[in-house]
Protein backbone atom coordinates (compact mmCIF):
# COMPACT_ATOMS: atom_id res chain seq x y z
CA MET A 1 323.74 -155.19 215.18
CA ALA A 2 324.62 -154.02 211.67
CA GLU A 3 321.12 -154.94 210.57
CA ALA A 4 319.63 -153.03 213.51
CA PHE A 5 321.69 -149.90 212.77
CA ALA A 6 320.67 -149.95 209.12
CA GLY A 7 317.05 -150.63 210.00
CA GLU A 8 316.83 -147.78 212.47
CA LEU A 9 318.44 -145.33 210.06
CA ALA A 10 315.94 -146.38 207.41
CA ARG A 11 313.03 -146.01 209.84
CA GLN A 12 314.11 -142.49 210.78
CA GLU A 13 314.53 -141.51 207.14
CA GLU A 14 311.28 -143.08 205.95
CA GLU A 15 308.80 -142.01 208.67
CA ILE A 16 307.31 -138.63 209.46
CA ASN A 17 308.26 -138.12 213.10
CA LEU A 18 305.68 -136.13 215.07
CA ILE A 19 306.81 -137.26 218.53
CA ALA A 20 307.14 -133.98 220.42
CA SER A 21 309.99 -135.20 222.64
CA GLU A 22 312.23 -136.34 219.78
CA ASN A 23 314.51 -134.62 217.30
CA TYR A 24 317.47 -135.33 215.01
CA ALA A 25 320.91 -134.51 216.42
CA SER A 26 323.47 -133.07 214.02
CA PRO A 27 326.36 -135.18 212.70
CA ALA A 28 328.67 -133.18 214.98
CA VAL A 29 326.60 -134.07 218.04
CA LEU A 30 326.49 -137.72 216.97
CA ALA A 31 330.26 -137.75 216.50
CA ALA A 32 330.83 -136.38 220.01
CA ALA A 33 328.37 -138.87 221.53
CA GLY A 34 330.27 -141.74 219.89
CA SER A 35 333.73 -140.42 220.65
CA VAL A 36 336.74 -141.61 222.69
CA PHE A 37 335.31 -139.77 225.70
CA THR A 38 333.27 -142.96 226.18
CA ASN A 39 336.45 -144.65 227.43
CA LYS A 40 337.16 -142.41 230.43
CA TYR A 41 335.90 -142.58 233.99
CA ALA A 42 335.64 -139.07 235.42
CA GLU A 43 333.86 -139.24 238.78
CA GLY A 44 333.71 -135.84 240.41
CA TYR A 45 333.90 -132.40 238.83
CA PRO A 46 336.51 -130.39 236.91
CA GLY A 47 339.58 -130.01 239.10
CA ARG A 48 338.14 -132.44 241.66
CA ARG A 49 338.18 -135.87 239.97
CA TYR A 50 338.66 -139.25 241.63
CA TYR A 51 340.65 -140.62 238.67
CA ARG A 52 343.83 -139.46 236.97
CA GLY A 53 343.98 -138.57 233.29
CA CYS A 54 341.00 -136.21 233.30
CA ARG A 55 342.58 -133.03 231.94
CA TRP A 56 340.58 -133.23 228.69
CA MET A 57 337.45 -134.28 230.59
CA ASP A 58 337.79 -131.12 232.68
CA ARG A 59 338.16 -128.97 229.58
CA VAL A 60 335.12 -130.47 227.89
CA GLU A 61 332.87 -130.22 230.95
CA GLU A 62 333.91 -126.64 231.67
CA LEU A 63 333.26 -125.74 228.05
CA ALA A 64 329.80 -127.28 228.20
CA ARG A 65 328.98 -125.56 231.50
CA THR A 66 330.17 -122.18 230.21
CA ARG A 67 328.12 -122.49 227.04
CA VAL A 68 324.90 -123.50 228.78
CA ARG A 69 325.21 -120.66 231.29
CA LYS A 70 325.64 -118.24 228.40
CA LEU A 71 322.69 -119.77 226.58
CA PHE A 72 320.29 -119.43 229.52
CA GLY A 73 321.87 -116.66 231.59
CA ALA A 74 322.23 -118.94 234.62
CA GLU A 75 324.59 -118.63 237.58
CA HIS A 76 325.44 -122.33 237.96
CA SER A 77 324.99 -125.44 235.85
CA ASN A 78 325.36 -129.19 236.33
CA LEU A 79 325.35 -131.26 233.14
CA GLN A 80 326.00 -134.69 234.61
CA PRO A 81 322.39 -135.93 235.04
CA HIS A 82 321.74 -138.76 232.61
CA SER A 83 318.10 -137.73 232.06
CA GLY A 84 315.50 -135.13 232.90
CA SER A 85 314.11 -137.33 235.66
CA GLN A 86 317.53 -137.53 237.29
CA ALA A 87 317.89 -133.78 236.98
CA ASN A 88 314.62 -133.43 238.92
CA MET A 89 315.80 -136.03 241.41
CA ALA A 90 318.94 -133.96 242.03
CA VAL A 91 316.83 -130.92 242.89
CA TYR A 92 314.56 -132.92 245.19
CA PHE A 93 317.50 -134.58 246.95
CA SER A 94 319.34 -131.27 247.37
CA PHE A 95 316.99 -130.02 250.09
CA LEU A 96 313.83 -132.14 250.46
CA GLN A 97 313.34 -134.94 252.98
CA PRO A 98 311.11 -138.00 252.45
CA GLY A 99 307.55 -137.04 253.36
CA ASP A 100 307.96 -133.36 252.46
CA THR A 101 305.11 -131.79 250.51
CA ILE A 102 305.53 -130.75 246.89
CA LEU A 103 302.99 -129.03 244.63
CA THR A 104 303.08 -130.22 241.02
CA MET A 105 300.99 -130.52 237.87
CA ASN A 106 298.84 -133.62 237.44
CA LEU A 107 300.25 -136.13 234.94
CA ASP A 108 296.85 -136.61 233.31
CA GLN A 109 296.56 -132.86 232.74
CA GLY A 110 300.00 -132.27 231.28
CA GLY A 111 302.57 -132.99 233.99
CA HIS A 112 305.38 -135.56 234.09
CA LEU A 113 306.01 -138.85 235.90
CA SER A 114 308.88 -137.32 237.87
CA HIS A 115 306.57 -134.58 239.19
CA GLY A 116 305.07 -136.90 241.77
CA HIS A 117 303.19 -139.70 240.05
CA LYS A 118 302.55 -142.60 242.40
CA ILE A 119 304.47 -145.13 240.26
CA ASN A 120 307.57 -142.87 240.19
CA PHE A 121 310.15 -142.35 242.94
CA SER A 122 308.87 -138.80 243.38
CA GLY A 123 305.38 -139.99 244.24
CA GLN A 124 306.72 -142.67 246.55
CA LEU A 125 309.04 -140.38 248.53
CA TYR A 126 307.06 -137.17 248.82
CA ASN A 127 303.59 -135.97 249.79
CA VAL A 128 302.30 -134.78 246.43
CA ILE A 129 299.58 -132.16 245.99
CA SER A 130 298.53 -131.65 242.38
CA TYR A 131 297.13 -128.72 240.46
CA GLY A 132 295.75 -128.93 236.94
CA VAL A 133 293.91 -127.01 234.25
CA CYS A 134 290.55 -125.25 234.17
CA PRO A 135 287.84 -127.51 232.69
CA ASP A 136 286.50 -124.79 230.41
CA THR A 137 289.74 -123.33 229.01
CA GLU A 138 292.16 -126.25 229.57
CA LEU A 139 294.73 -123.67 230.68
CA ILE A 140 296.67 -123.95 233.94
CA ASP A 141 294.44 -123.04 236.88
CA TYR A 142 296.80 -120.65 238.65
CA GLU A 143 294.20 -119.63 241.20
CA ALA A 144 293.66 -123.24 242.25
CA ALA A 145 297.42 -123.76 242.44
CA ALA A 146 297.76 -120.71 244.68
CA ARG A 147 294.92 -121.91 246.90
CA LEU A 148 296.51 -125.36 247.25
CA ALA A 149 299.87 -123.76 248.06
CA ARG A 150 298.34 -121.66 250.82
CA GLU A 151 296.51 -124.66 252.23
CA HIS A 152 299.27 -127.27 252.13
CA ARG A 153 302.43 -125.10 252.47
CA PRO A 154 304.66 -127.19 250.16
CA ARG A 155 308.42 -126.94 250.41
CA LEU A 156 308.69 -127.04 246.61
CA VAL A 157 306.46 -125.89 243.76
CA VAL A 158 307.10 -127.50 240.37
CA ALA A 159 306.19 -125.58 237.22
CA GLY A 160 306.49 -127.34 233.89
CA ALA A 161 304.84 -130.00 231.80
CA SER A 162 305.32 -132.72 229.22
CA ALA A 163 302.03 -132.21 227.39
CA TYR A 164 300.91 -128.59 227.75
CA PRO A 165 300.55 -126.63 224.51
CA ARG A 166 300.42 -123.14 225.97
CA THR A 167 302.76 -120.57 227.52
CA ILE A 168 303.67 -121.07 231.19
CA ASP A 169 303.61 -118.01 233.48
CA PHE A 170 306.74 -118.49 235.59
CA PRO A 171 306.52 -115.14 237.44
CA ARG A 172 303.05 -116.14 238.60
CA PHE A 173 304.40 -119.45 239.88
CA ARG A 174 307.12 -117.44 241.68
CA ARG A 175 304.44 -115.48 243.51
CA ILE A 176 302.60 -118.71 244.37
CA ALA A 177 305.79 -120.22 245.79
CA ASP A 178 306.66 -117.07 247.74
CA GLU A 179 303.23 -116.91 249.34
CA ALA A 180 303.69 -120.48 250.59
CA GLY A 181 307.32 -120.02 251.62
CA ALA A 182 308.38 -122.59 249.00
CA ARG A 183 311.17 -122.87 246.47
CA LEU A 184 310.39 -123.06 242.75
CA LEU A 185 311.56 -125.64 240.25
CA ALA A 186 310.87 -124.97 236.56
CA ASP A 187 311.07 -128.18 234.55
CA VAL A 188 311.38 -126.97 230.95
CA ALA A 189 312.43 -130.25 229.33
CA HIS A 190 310.14 -129.71 226.35
CA ILE A 191 310.50 -125.98 225.79
CA ALA A 192 314.19 -125.43 226.55
CA GLY A 193 315.01 -124.62 222.92
CA LEU A 194 312.22 -122.05 222.76
CA ILE A 195 313.41 -120.46 226.00
CA ALA A 196 317.05 -120.37 224.90
CA THR A 197 316.08 -118.36 221.83
CA GLY A 198 313.69 -115.99 223.58
CA LEU A 199 310.53 -117.49 222.07
CA HIS A 200 309.05 -118.54 225.43
CA PRO A 201 309.28 -116.60 228.72
CA ASP A 202 312.47 -117.33 230.64
CA PRO A 203 312.14 -119.18 233.99
CA VAL A 204 315.70 -118.47 235.16
CA PRO A 205 314.92 -115.10 236.84
CA SER A 206 311.91 -116.60 238.63
CA ALA A 207 313.04 -120.05 239.77
CA GLU A 208 315.76 -121.21 242.14
CA PHE A 209 316.12 -124.33 239.99
CA VAL A 210 315.60 -125.02 236.28
CA THR A 211 315.86 -128.52 234.83
CA PHE A 212 315.63 -129.70 231.24
CA THR A 213 316.63 -132.36 228.77
CA THR A 214 319.03 -131.68 225.93
CA HIS A 215 317.45 -133.81 223.22
CA LYS A 216 314.00 -132.32 222.55
CA THR A 217 313.72 -128.77 221.20
CA LEU A 218 317.42 -128.24 222.03
CA ARG A 219 318.26 -130.89 219.40
CA GLY A 220 321.23 -132.30 221.28
CA PRO A 221 322.14 -135.68 222.76
CA ARG A 222 319.95 -137.55 225.21
CA GLY A 223 320.62 -136.26 228.71
CA GLY A 224 319.61 -133.87 231.48
CA ALA A 225 320.77 -130.61 233.02
CA VAL A 226 320.23 -128.51 236.13
CA LEU A 227 320.57 -124.74 236.35
CA CYS A 228 320.43 -123.03 239.73
CA ARG A 229 321.37 -119.95 241.64
CA GLU A 230 324.91 -119.86 242.97
CA GLU A 231 323.78 -120.27 246.56
CA PHE A 232 322.50 -123.78 245.74
CA ALA A 233 325.46 -124.86 243.58
CA GLY A 234 327.18 -126.99 246.22
CA LYS A 235 324.00 -128.80 247.22
CA ILE A 236 323.04 -129.54 243.62
CA ASP A 237 326.51 -130.83 242.76
CA ARG A 238 326.58 -133.10 245.81
CA ALA A 239 323.08 -134.36 245.06
CA VAL A 240 324.16 -135.43 241.56
CA PHE A 241 327.51 -136.87 242.62
CA PRO A 242 327.88 -138.74 244.88
CA GLY A 243 324.17 -138.51 245.74
CA ILE A 244 322.40 -140.21 242.84
CA GLN A 245 325.04 -141.01 240.20
CA GLY A 246 328.56 -142.33 239.84
CA GLY A 247 330.74 -141.44 236.91
CA PRO A 248 329.33 -139.03 234.32
CA LEU A 249 328.82 -140.00 230.68
CA MET A 250 331.58 -137.77 229.34
CA GLN A 251 330.75 -138.55 225.71
CA GLN A 252 327.26 -137.16 226.33
CA ILE A 253 328.64 -134.07 228.06
CA ALA A 254 330.91 -133.53 225.06
CA ALA A 255 327.87 -133.85 222.80
CA LYS A 256 325.98 -131.39 225.00
CA ALA A 257 328.81 -128.89 224.56
CA VAL A 258 328.49 -129.22 220.78
CA ALA A 259 324.71 -128.84 220.91
CA PHE A 260 324.92 -125.73 223.11
CA GLN A 261 327.32 -124.12 220.65
CA GLU A 262 324.86 -124.88 217.84
CA ALA A 263 322.05 -123.36 219.90
CA LEU A 264 324.05 -120.15 220.36
CA GLN A 265 324.06 -119.51 216.61
CA PRO A 266 321.55 -117.09 215.01
CA GLU A 267 320.16 -119.80 212.72
CA PHE A 268 319.02 -121.81 215.73
CA ARG A 269 316.56 -119.06 216.64
CA GLU A 270 315.23 -119.12 213.09
CA TYR A 271 314.78 -122.86 213.44
CA GLN A 272 312.75 -122.44 216.63
CA LYS A 273 310.56 -119.83 214.93
CA ARG A 274 309.82 -122.37 212.19
CA VAL A 275 309.00 -125.03 214.81
CA ILE A 276 306.28 -122.77 216.23
CA LYS A 277 304.98 -121.76 212.80
CA ASN A 278 304.80 -125.39 211.73
CA CYS A 279 302.96 -126.38 214.90
CA ARG A 280 300.39 -123.65 214.33
CA ALA A 281 300.02 -124.71 210.70
CA LEU A 282 299.51 -128.34 211.71
CA ALA A 283 296.97 -127.23 214.31
CA ALA A 284 295.08 -125.19 211.71
CA ALA A 285 295.08 -128.12 209.29
CA LEU A 286 293.67 -130.49 211.90
CA ILE A 287 291.02 -128.02 213.02
CA GLY A 288 290.08 -127.63 209.38
CA GLU A 289 289.63 -131.41 209.22
CA GLY A 290 287.18 -131.25 212.13
CA PHE A 291 289.45 -132.24 215.04
CA ARG A 292 289.21 -130.61 218.45
CA LEU A 293 292.53 -129.58 219.97
CA VAL A 294 293.08 -129.27 223.71
CA SER A 295 292.94 -125.54 224.63
CA GLY A 296 292.08 -124.80 221.00
CA GLY A 297 295.62 -124.74 219.63
CA SER A 298 299.26 -124.24 220.59
CA ASP A 299 301.77 -121.57 221.60
CA ASN A 300 304.79 -123.85 221.38
CA HIS A 301 306.06 -126.98 219.61
CA LEU A 302 303.28 -129.45 220.50
CA LEU A 303 299.56 -129.94 220.36
CA LEU A 304 297.06 -132.41 221.78
CA VAL A 305 294.34 -133.93 219.62
CA ASP A 306 291.08 -134.91 221.33
CA LEU A 307 289.82 -138.15 219.78
CA ARG A 308 286.66 -138.48 221.82
CA GLY A 309 283.60 -139.01 219.67
CA ARG A 310 285.62 -140.17 216.67
CA GLY A 311 285.30 -143.90 217.33
CA ILE A 312 289.01 -144.45 217.97
CA ASP A 313 291.28 -144.22 221.02
CA GLY A 314 294.88 -143.07 221.23
CA ARG A 315 296.47 -146.49 221.02
CA GLU A 316 294.46 -147.44 217.95
CA ALA A 317 295.23 -144.08 216.36
CA GLU A 318 299.00 -144.24 216.88
CA GLU A 319 299.10 -147.79 215.51
CA ALA A 320 297.13 -146.87 212.38
CA LEU A 321 299.25 -143.78 211.76
CA GLU A 322 302.47 -145.75 212.12
CA ARG A 323 301.27 -148.20 209.49
CA ALA A 324 300.78 -145.18 207.22
CA GLY A 325 304.29 -143.82 207.85
CA ILE A 326 303.48 -141.25 210.56
CA CYS A 327 305.06 -141.78 213.99
CA CYS A 328 303.43 -140.17 217.03
CA ASN A 329 302.30 -141.15 220.51
CA ARG A 330 299.03 -141.53 222.37
CA ASN A 331 298.61 -139.15 225.29
CA LEU A 332 296.19 -138.46 228.08
CA ILE A 333 294.14 -135.32 227.67
CA PRO A 334 292.71 -133.29 230.58
CA PHE A 335 289.99 -135.20 232.46
CA ASP A 336 290.57 -138.21 230.22
CA PRO A 337 288.03 -141.00 230.79
CA LEU A 338 290.46 -143.61 229.43
CA PRO A 339 293.58 -145.05 231.10
CA ALA A 340 297.14 -144.25 230.02
CA LYS A 341 297.42 -147.50 228.06
CA ARG A 342 294.65 -146.32 225.74
CA THR A 343 294.03 -142.56 226.16
CA SER A 344 291.60 -140.26 224.42
CA GLY A 345 294.30 -138.19 222.78
CA LEU A 346 297.36 -137.92 220.59
CA ARG A 347 300.36 -135.69 221.25
CA LEU A 348 301.93 -134.25 218.10
CA GLY A 349 305.05 -132.10 217.82
CA THR A 350 306.99 -130.35 215.06
CA PRO A 351 310.68 -130.19 216.17
CA ALA A 352 311.80 -133.22 214.13
CA VAL A 353 309.94 -132.45 210.90
CA THR A 354 311.20 -128.86 211.10
CA THR A 355 314.77 -130.09 211.44
CA ARG A 356 314.23 -131.97 208.18
CA GLY A 357 313.35 -128.68 206.50
CA MET A 358 309.60 -129.14 206.20
CA GLY A 359 307.38 -126.07 206.27
CA GLU A 360 303.79 -124.97 206.58
CA GLY A 361 302.77 -126.51 203.26
CA GLU A 362 303.98 -129.91 204.38
CA MET A 363 302.08 -129.50 207.67
CA GLU A 364 298.87 -129.03 205.70
CA SER A 365 299.53 -132.31 203.87
CA ILE A 366 300.34 -134.12 207.11
CA GLY A 367 297.12 -132.85 208.70
CA ARG A 368 295.13 -134.16 205.76
CA TRP A 369 296.84 -137.58 205.94
CA ILE A 370 296.15 -137.84 209.67
CA ALA A 371 292.47 -137.14 209.05
CA GLU A 372 292.30 -139.72 206.26
CA VAL A 373 293.96 -142.43 208.34
CA LEU A 374 291.92 -141.80 211.49
CA SER A 375 288.66 -141.77 209.57
CA ARG A 376 289.47 -145.20 208.08
CA PRO A 377 292.04 -146.79 210.43
CA GLY A 378 291.31 -150.35 209.33
CA ASP A 379 291.19 -149.71 205.60
CA GLY A 380 294.24 -151.32 204.02
CA PRO A 381 294.15 -149.45 200.68
CA THR A 382 293.87 -146.07 202.44
CA LEU A 383 296.82 -146.83 204.72
CA ALA A 384 298.88 -148.10 201.78
CA ARG A 385 298.15 -145.00 199.70
CA VAL A 386 298.96 -142.61 202.55
CA LYS A 387 302.16 -144.50 203.29
CA LYS A 388 303.27 -144.09 199.68
CA GLU A 389 302.49 -140.37 199.83
CA THR A 390 304.34 -139.90 203.13
CA ARG A 391 307.30 -141.86 201.74
CA ASP A 392 307.41 -139.59 198.69
CA LEU A 393 307.41 -136.55 201.00
CA VAL A 394 310.23 -137.64 203.30
CA ARG A 395 312.47 -138.49 200.34
CA ARG A 396 312.48 -134.77 199.55
CA PHE A 397 313.65 -133.99 203.11
CA PRO A 398 316.42 -136.45 204.07
CA VAL A 399 317.74 -136.43 207.63
CA TYR A 400 321.26 -137.76 207.10
CA ARG A 401 321.57 -139.63 203.85
CA LYS A 402 321.11 -137.88 200.55
CA ASN A 403 318.59 -139.74 198.42
């Protein structure tokens, strides 16, 4: 175990992390996540626990709930979901019945497994109708979504994505849901940090339910959260416990409270601004190297690289880049001819490198290295040279240990 801890710390310090769904939590968040709150069972909610000795658990959870409501301007919050998928499950279980129809975004066009994919519980329990993006613009096809809503009359419309580089129009989804007599869930797992700082339109006024994870752009511990209107508070709380979970992970809730306080500070908004600037700089660098980006660029923290016609698929690309010291993940692109195990695309994100303090100049270098590696993925000397150059870069931007 000691060897594994040291190895993972070294990996995080020595690689350029472009995985859009990852970040580096602060030492304060790490301390809370590894704290004595791990030792306590706290089934239930503040003031309504099933175990004695929960007075400090109550204080921590109330503090976290108060901070997240302030951060997002929400009426009610539940921070006990262990993940974003379980946060979505809580919303589904709060009012849907097996067989009900839901309208969601296609996984292969930017959606998420928990939005109704056939291998996920959501696709197995519900009748899923999917919308996607326009073939020419690769932007969400709102007109098609509205047409599908009118035709199929879903009980729930899901807005949100795990691989969509553009701004999402939540008021428009509200109108689509209203026309069908449906409720609206905004899953903002990826863009929660941008929303909290006013750099992406806010879904809270438009949606009955908002779900997100706390470890991506929010830069907190791994976990999920549900925001909802007060009228749904009881149903959401019962859906989480005792509906889908037992005791909460109080150490994670404590860490969420710390992360929310960090996100309430003015410097966190400046950080999110840099995330967006870095993503645009990386996009410009890659376009300059001849790559095509899905939708032509990015409005947020991530971008999708189209590898078609370059003689390499996503799996081969991610493996070559990792050997050169750049960590990213393959990803389906809209209308991808390849399966998920291979893919025709890469998903790149800038939250983690921005946390390290890197800027637009470093994004230009990273774009050049990506182009060099993907043009010669099997060339050992090229990979070795790029790895040395990436290693030299990250030593100037340590995550935790001072080199």
